[in-house]
């Protein structure tokens, strides 16, 4: 029932900023968290960031700490990932994903583990040139 749509990707130069958005088409479940994962060419998908929906607690992978931040729009059921000081190594397809409170209670993977999430967007390309 839930569809996720990412947007905001693009081609920027090192040091620039982008704001990614992830909008959920329906909120027919109690969302526990929304996460962002990224996959660079030739690399495995990796955790980038996650945010608890209600409490607002955030989690960031070490490579993006201090550069990425979150914002929420409850009315639009949307999460924004503000990416600042972008580096070429940030180049990847970025995927948003959500997990319900029910699933989060069942599994102990943690929010940094892609296996925790139920719904995934198709991804948005972020390319950072040097």
N, C-alpha and C. Protein backbone atom coordinates (compact mmCIF):
# COMPACT_ATOMS: atom_id res chain seq x y z
N UNK A 1 0.81 -1.21 0.00
CA UNK A 1 0.00 0.00 0.00
C UNK A 1 0.85 1.26 0.00
N UNK A 2 2.02 1.17 0.55
CA UNK A 2 2.88 2.34 0.69
C UNK A 2 3.81 2.45 -0.51
N UNK A 3 3.79 3.60 -1.11
CA UNK A 3 4.73 3.92 -2.17
C UNK A 3 5.60 5.09 -1.73
N UNK A 4 6.87 4.96 -1.99
CA UNK A 4 7.82 6.00 -1.63
C UNK A 4 8.39 6.62 -2.89
N UNK A 5 8.43 7.92 -2.91
CA UNK A 5 8.95 8.64 -4.06
C UNK A 5 10.07 9.55 -3.59
N UNK A 6 11.26 9.31 -4.11
CA UNK A 6 12.40 10.16 -3.81
C UNK A 6 12.55 11.22 -4.89
N UNK A 7 13.06 12.35 -4.48
CA UNK A 7 13.36 13.40 -5.43
C UNK A 7 14.46 14.28 -4.85
N UNK A 8 14.99 15.13 -5.68
CA UNK A 8 15.99 16.08 -5.23
C UNK A 8 17.40 15.77 -5.66
N UNK A 9 17.60 14.63 -6.27
CA UNK A 9 18.93 14.28 -6.73
C UNK A 9 19.33 15.13 -7.92
N UNK A 10 20.59 15.04 -8.25
CA UNK A 10 21.09 15.81 -9.37
C UNK A 10 22.59 15.76 -9.44
N UNK A 11 23.13 16.56 -10.32
CA UNK A 11 24.57 16.66 -10.51
C UNK A 11 25.04 17.98 -9.93
N UNK A 12 25.95 17.90 -8.98
CA UNK A 12 26.48 19.10 -8.34
C UNK A 12 27.99 18.98 -8.23
N UNK A 13 28.61 20.08 -7.87
CA UNK A 13 30.04 20.08 -7.67
C UNK A 13 30.37 19.87 -6.20
N UNK A 14 31.56 19.40 -5.96
CA UNK A 14 32.01 19.20 -4.59
C UNK A 14 31.84 20.48 -3.78
N UNK A 15 31.31 20.32 -2.57
CA UNK A 15 31.06 21.46 -1.71
C UNK A 15 29.65 21.99 -1.79
N UNK A 16 28.92 21.60 -2.81
CA UNK A 16 27.54 22.04 -2.97
C UNK A 16 26.61 21.25 -2.06
N UNK A 17 25.35 21.64 -2.08
CA UNK A 17 24.34 21.00 -1.25
C UNK A 17 23.18 20.52 -2.09
N UNK A 18 22.52 19.52 -1.60
CA UNK A 18 21.29 19.02 -2.18
C UNK A 18 20.34 18.67 -1.05
N UNK A 19 19.05 18.75 -1.33
CA UNK A 19 18.06 18.29 -0.39
C UNK A 19 17.21 17.22 -1.04
N UNK A 20 17.34 16.03 -0.53
CA UNK A 20 16.54 14.92 -1.01
C UNK A 20 15.24 14.86 -0.23
N UNK A 21 14.20 14.46 -0.90
CA UNK A 21 12.93 14.27 -0.23
C UNK A 21 12.44 12.85 -0.46
N UNK A 22 11.73 12.36 0.50
CA UNK A 22 11.10 11.06 0.39
C UNK A 22 9.68 11.20 0.88
N UNK A 23 8.74 11.03 -0.02
CA UNK A 23 7.33 11.19 0.30
C UNK A 23 6.63 9.84 0.26
N UNK A 24 5.89 9.55 1.28
CA UNK A 24 5.09 8.33 1.33
C UNK A 24 3.69 8.63 0.85
N UNK A 25 3.21 7.80 -0.08
CA UNK A 25 1.91 8.05 -0.66
C UNK A 25 0.76 7.86 0.32
N UNK A 26 0.94 6.93 1.22
CA UNK A 26 -0.07 6.64 2.21
C UNK A 26 0.58 6.43 3.57
N UNK A 27 -0.16 6.81 4.57
CA UNK A 27 0.29 6.54 5.93
C UNK A 27 -0.79 5.71 6.61
N UNK A 28 -0.92 4.50 6.14
CA UNK A 28 -1.90 3.58 6.68
C UNK A 28 -1.33 2.70 7.77
N UNK A 29 -0.11 2.97 8.12
CA UNK A 29 0.55 2.25 9.19
C UNK A 29 1.26 3.27 10.08
N UNK A 30 1.65 2.82 11.22
CA UNK A 30 2.38 3.68 12.14
C UNK A 30 3.86 3.60 11.79
N UNK A 31 4.37 4.66 11.20
CA UNK A 31 5.76 4.67 10.76
C UNK A 31 6.69 4.82 11.94
N UNK A 32 7.64 3.94 12.01
CA UNK A 32 8.62 4.00 13.07
C UNK A 32 9.82 4.84 12.66
N UNK A 33 10.28 4.63 11.45
CA UNK A 33 11.46 5.35 11.00
C UNK A 33 11.54 5.37 9.49
N UNK A 34 12.27 6.32 9.00
CA UNK A 34 12.59 6.38 7.59
C UNK A 34 14.10 6.43 7.46
N UNK A 35 14.61 5.62 6.57
CA UNK A 35 16.04 5.55 6.38
C UNK A 35 16.44 5.88 4.96
N UNK A 36 17.69 6.24 4.81
CA UNK A 36 18.29 6.48 3.51
C UNK A 36 19.49 5.57 3.36
N UNK A 37 19.51 4.88 2.25
CA UNK A 37 20.63 4.04 1.88
C UNK A 37 21.16 4.51 0.54
N UNK A 38 22.41 4.25 0.30
CA UNK A 38 22.99 4.67 -0.96
C UNK A 38 23.85 3.56 -1.54
N UNK A 39 23.92 3.56 -2.85
CA UNK A 39 24.71 2.56 -3.53
C UNK A 39 25.50 3.23 -4.64
N UNK A 40 26.80 3.20 -4.49
CA UNK A 40 27.69 3.74 -5.49
C UNK A 40 27.99 2.68 -6.53
N UNK A 41 28.39 3.09 -7.73
CA UNK A 41 28.70 2.12 -8.77
C UNK A 41 29.76 1.12 -8.31
N UNK A 42 29.46 -0.15 -8.48
CA UNK A 42 30.41 -1.18 -8.12
C UNK A 42 30.52 -1.47 -6.65
N UNK A 43 29.68 -0.85 -5.83
CA UNK A 43 29.74 -1.05 -4.40
C UNK A 43 28.43 -1.58 -3.86
N UNK A 44 28.50 -2.12 -2.67
CA UNK A 44 27.30 -2.60 -2.00
C UNK A 44 26.48 -1.43 -1.46
N UNK A 45 25.20 -1.66 -1.34
CA UNK A 45 24.35 -0.65 -0.74
C UNK A 45 24.73 -0.47 0.72
N UNK A 46 24.79 0.77 1.15
CA UNK A 46 25.19 1.06 2.51
C UNK A 46 24.24 2.05 3.16
N UNK A 47 24.19 1.96 4.46
CA UNK A 47 23.38 2.87 5.24
C UNK A 47 23.96 4.26 5.20
N UNK A 48 23.09 5.24 5.07
CA UNK A 48 23.52 6.63 5.10
C UNK A 48 22.97 7.37 6.31
N UNK A 49 21.65 7.31 6.50
CA UNK A 49 21.03 8.06 7.58
C UNK A 49 19.64 7.52 7.85
N UNK A 50 19.15 7.76 9.05
CA UNK A 50 17.79 7.36 9.41
C UNK A 50 17.25 8.30 10.46
N UNK A 51 15.94 8.40 10.51
CA UNK A 51 15.28 9.27 11.48
C UNK A 51 14.06 8.57 12.04
N UNK A 52 13.91 8.64 13.34
CA UNK A 52 12.70 8.16 13.99
C UNK A 52 11.58 9.14 13.71
N UNK A 53 10.43 8.63 13.32
CA UNK A 53 9.36 9.51 12.89
C UNK A 53 8.81 10.37 14.01
N UNK A 54 8.51 9.77 15.12
CA UNK A 54 7.88 10.50 16.22
C UNK A 54 8.88 11.26 17.07
N UNK A 55 9.87 10.58 17.55
CA UNK A 55 10.81 11.20 18.45
C UNK A 55 11.83 12.10 17.77
N UNK A 56 12.10 11.83 16.50
CA UNK A 56 13.04 12.64 15.77
C UNK A 56 14.50 12.28 15.96
N UNK A 57 14.76 11.21 16.67
CA UNK A 57 16.14 10.77 16.83
C UNK A 57 16.73 10.44 15.46
N UNK A 58 17.95 10.83 15.27
CA UNK A 58 18.61 10.62 13.98
C UNK A 58 19.84 9.77 14.13
N UNK A 59 20.18 9.12 13.03
CA UNK A 59 21.32 8.24 12.99
C UNK A 59 22.02 8.46 11.66
N UNK A 60 23.32 8.62 11.72
CA UNK A 60 24.08 8.91 10.52
C UNK A 60 25.29 8.01 10.43
N UNK A 61 25.55 7.56 9.24
CA UNK A 61 26.78 6.83 8.99
C UNK A 61 27.97 7.77 9.15
N UNK A 62 29.07 7.24 9.59
CA UNK A 62 30.25 8.07 9.85
C UNK A 62 30.64 8.97 8.68
N UNK A 63 30.61 8.47 7.43
CA UNK A 63 31.05 9.34 6.33
C UNK A 63 30.20 10.59 6.12
N UNK A 64 28.96 10.60 6.63
CA UNK A 64 28.08 11.74 6.40
C UNK A 64 27.82 12.56 7.66
N UNK A 65 28.32 12.13 8.78
CA UNK A 65 28.09 12.86 10.02
C UNK A 65 28.65 14.27 9.93
N UNK A 66 27.85 15.20 10.41
CA UNK A 66 28.24 16.59 10.37
C UNK A 66 27.92 17.28 9.07
N UNK A 67 27.51 16.53 8.06
CA UNK A 67 27.20 17.11 6.76
C UNK A 67 25.74 16.92 6.37
N UNK A 68 25.15 15.84 6.81
CA UNK A 68 23.75 15.54 6.47
C UNK A 68 22.87 15.81 7.69
N UNK A 69 21.69 16.35 7.44
CA UNK A 69 20.72 16.58 8.49
C UNK A 69 19.33 16.22 7.98
N UNK A 70 18.39 16.09 8.92
CA UNK A 70 17.03 15.70 8.59
C UNK A 70 16.03 16.82 8.89
N UNK A 71 14.94 16.79 8.17
CA UNK A 71 13.77 17.58 8.48
C UNK A 71 12.53 16.75 8.16
N UNK A 72 11.46 17.02 8.86
CA UNK A 72 10.22 16.28 8.66
C UNK A 72 9.06 17.21 8.36
N UNK A 73 8.16 16.74 7.54
CA UNK A 73 6.92 17.44 7.25
C UNK A 73 5.80 16.44 7.48
N UNK A 74 5.22 16.50 8.67
CA UNK A 74 4.19 15.53 9.01
C UNK A 74 2.98 15.62 8.10
N UNK A 75 2.61 16.84 7.74
CA UNK A 75 1.42 17.03 6.90
C UNK A 75 1.59 16.37 5.54
N UNK A 76 2.79 16.42 5.00
CA UNK A 76 3.06 15.85 3.70
C UNK A 76 3.62 14.44 3.77
N UNK A 77 3.76 13.95 4.98
CA UNK A 77 4.31 12.61 5.18
C UNK A 77 5.65 12.47 4.45
N UNK A 78 6.48 13.45 4.65
CA UNK A 78 7.72 13.56 3.90
C UNK A 78 8.90 13.81 4.82
N UNK A 79 10.00 13.21 4.46
CA UNK A 79 11.26 13.45 5.15
C UNK A 79 12.23 14.06 4.15
N UNK A 80 12.97 15.04 4.62
CA UNK A 80 13.97 15.69 3.80
C UNK A 80 15.35 15.39 4.36
N UNK A 81 16.23 15.03 3.48
CA UNK A 81 17.62 14.81 3.85
C UNK A 81 18.44 15.93 3.24
N UNK A 82 18.89 16.82 4.10
CA UNK A 82 19.72 17.92 3.66
C UNK A 82 21.17 17.46 3.62
N UNK A 83 21.76 17.53 2.47
CA UNK A 83 23.13 17.07 2.28
C UNK A 83 24.00 18.27 1.95
N UNK A 84 24.89 18.58 2.85
CA UNK A 84 25.78 19.72 2.68
C UNK A 84 27.21 19.26 2.47
N UNK A 85 28.00 20.17 1.94
CA UNK A 85 29.42 19.90 1.73
C UNK A 85 29.64 18.57 1.02
N UNK A 86 28.92 18.38 -0.04
CA UNK A 86 28.97 17.11 -0.75
C UNK A 86 30.35 16.83 -1.31
N UNK A 87 30.68 15.57 -1.28
CA UNK A 87 31.97 15.10 -1.76
C UNK A 87 31.76 14.12 -2.91
N UNK A 88 32.76 13.96 -3.76
CA UNK A 88 32.62 12.99 -4.85
C UNK A 88 32.26 11.59 -4.35
N UNK A 89 32.75 11.22 -3.19
CA UNK A 89 32.44 9.91 -2.65
C UNK A 89 30.99 9.75 -2.20
N UNK A 90 30.24 10.85 -2.20
CA UNK A 90 28.81 10.78 -1.92
C UNK A 90 28.02 10.36 -3.15
N UNK A 91 28.67 10.31 -4.28
CA UNK A 91 28.00 9.93 -5.52
C UNK A 91 27.41 8.53 -5.39
N UNK A 92 26.13 8.43 -5.60
CA UNK A 92 25.43 7.16 -5.46
C UNK A 92 23.97 7.35 -5.82
N UNK A 93 23.30 6.24 -5.97
CA UNK A 93 21.85 6.26 -6.00
C UNK A 93 21.37 6.19 -4.56
N UNK A 94 20.53 7.11 -4.19
CA UNK A 94 20.03 7.17 -2.83
C UNK A 94 18.61 6.64 -2.77
N UNK A 95 18.40 5.72 -1.87
CA UNK A 95 17.10 5.08 -1.70
C UNK A 95 16.53 5.41 -0.33
N UNK A 96 15.28 5.77 -0.30
CA UNK A 96 14.62 5.93 0.98
C UNK A 96 13.82 4.67 1.29
N UNK A 97 13.62 4.43 2.55
CA UNK A 97 12.91 3.25 2.99
C UNK A 97 12.22 3.55 4.31
N UNK A 98 11.13 2.84 4.58
CA UNK A 98 10.40 3.04 5.82
C UNK A 98 10.15 1.71 6.51
N UNK A 99 10.01 1.80 7.80
CA UNK A 99 9.67 0.63 8.60
C UNK A 99 8.57 1.02 9.58
N UNK A 100 7.60 0.15 9.73
CA UNK A 100 6.50 0.40 10.65
C UNK A 100 6.91 0.07 12.07
N UNK A 101 6.13 0.55 13.01
CA UNK A 101 6.39 0.23 14.40
C UNK A 101 6.23 -1.26 14.67
N UNK A 102 5.31 -1.88 13.94
CA UNK A 102 5.09 -3.31 14.11
C UNK A 102 6.32 -4.11 13.71
N UNK A 103 6.87 -3.78 12.56
CA UNK A 103 8.04 -4.50 12.09
C UNK A 103 9.24 -4.20 12.98
N UNK A 104 9.37 -2.96 13.37
CA UNK A 104 10.51 -2.58 14.20
C UNK A 104 10.50 -3.34 15.52
N UNK A 105 9.30 -3.64 16.01
CA UNK A 105 9.18 -4.38 17.26
C UNK A 105 9.51 -5.86 17.08
N UNK A 106 9.36 -6.36 15.86
CA UNK A 106 9.58 -7.78 15.60
C UNK A 106 11.03 -8.12 15.33
N UNK A 107 11.73 -7.21 14.70
CA UNK A 107 13.08 -7.50 14.26
C UNK A 107 14.09 -6.64 14.99
N UNK A 108 15.24 -7.22 15.18
CA UNK A 108 16.28 -6.53 15.91
C UNK A 108 17.47 -6.13 15.06
N UNK A 109 17.24 -5.91 13.77
CA UNK A 109 18.34 -5.56 12.88
C UNK A 109 18.94 -4.20 13.19
N UNK A 110 18.11 -3.30 13.64
CA UNK A 110 18.56 -1.93 13.82
C UNK A 110 18.31 -1.11 12.57
N UNK A 111 18.27 0.19 12.74
CA UNK A 111 17.91 1.06 11.64
C UNK A 111 19.01 1.23 10.60
N UNK A 112 20.19 0.77 10.90
CA UNK A 112 21.27 0.84 9.93
C UNK A 112 21.30 -0.37 9.00
N UNK A 113 20.44 -1.32 9.26
CA UNK A 113 20.38 -2.56 8.49
C UNK A 113 19.22 -2.49 7.51
N UNK A 114 19.51 -2.68 6.24
CA UNK A 114 18.48 -2.60 5.22
C UNK A 114 17.37 -3.63 5.40
N UNK A 115 17.68 -4.72 6.08
CA UNK A 115 16.69 -5.76 6.30
C UNK A 115 15.56 -5.32 7.21
N UNK A 116 15.75 -4.24 7.93
CA UNK A 116 14.72 -3.74 8.81
C UNK A 116 13.53 -3.14 8.06
N UNK A 117 13.77 -2.64 6.87
CA UNK A 117 12.79 -1.80 6.20
C UNK A 117 11.82 -2.57 5.31
N UNK A 118 10.59 -2.10 5.28
CA UNK A 118 9.51 -2.76 4.56
C UNK A 118 9.29 -2.23 3.15
N UNK A 119 9.41 -0.95 2.99
CA UNK A 119 9.09 -0.31 1.72
C UNK A 119 10.27 0.51 1.25
N UNK A 120 10.48 0.45 -0.05
CA UNK A 120 11.63 1.12 -0.65
C UNK A 120 11.21 1.95 -1.85
N UNK A 121 11.85 3.09 -1.99
CA UNK A 121 11.67 3.88 -3.18
C UNK A 121 12.56 3.38 -4.29
N UNK A 122 12.40 3.96 -5.46
CA UNK A 122 13.18 3.54 -6.61
C UNK A 122 14.55 4.18 -6.67
N UNK A 123 14.77 5.18 -5.88
CA UNK A 123 16.08 5.80 -5.81
C UNK A 123 16.17 7.08 -6.61
N UNK A 124 17.08 7.92 -6.19
CA UNK A 124 17.37 9.15 -6.91
C UNK A 124 18.88 9.30 -7.01
N UNK A 125 19.34 9.67 -8.18
CA UNK A 125 20.77 9.74 -8.43
C UNK A 125 21.37 11.04 -7.91
N UNK A 126 22.44 10.90 -7.17
CA UNK A 126 23.23 12.04 -6.72
C UNK A 126 24.62 11.88 -7.30
N UNK A 127 25.05 12.86 -8.05
CA UNK A 127 26.38 12.83 -8.64
C UNK A 127 27.13 14.09 -8.22
N UNK A 128 28.28 13.89 -7.63
CA UNK A 128 29.10 15.00 -7.15
C UNK A 128 30.42 14.98 -7.90
N UNK A 129 30.65 16.01 -8.65
CA UNK A 129 31.89 16.11 -9.41
C UNK A 129 32.94 16.85 -8.61
N UNK A 130 34.19 16.54 -8.88
CA UNK A 130 35.29 17.17 -8.18
C UNK A 130 35.70 18.46 -8.83
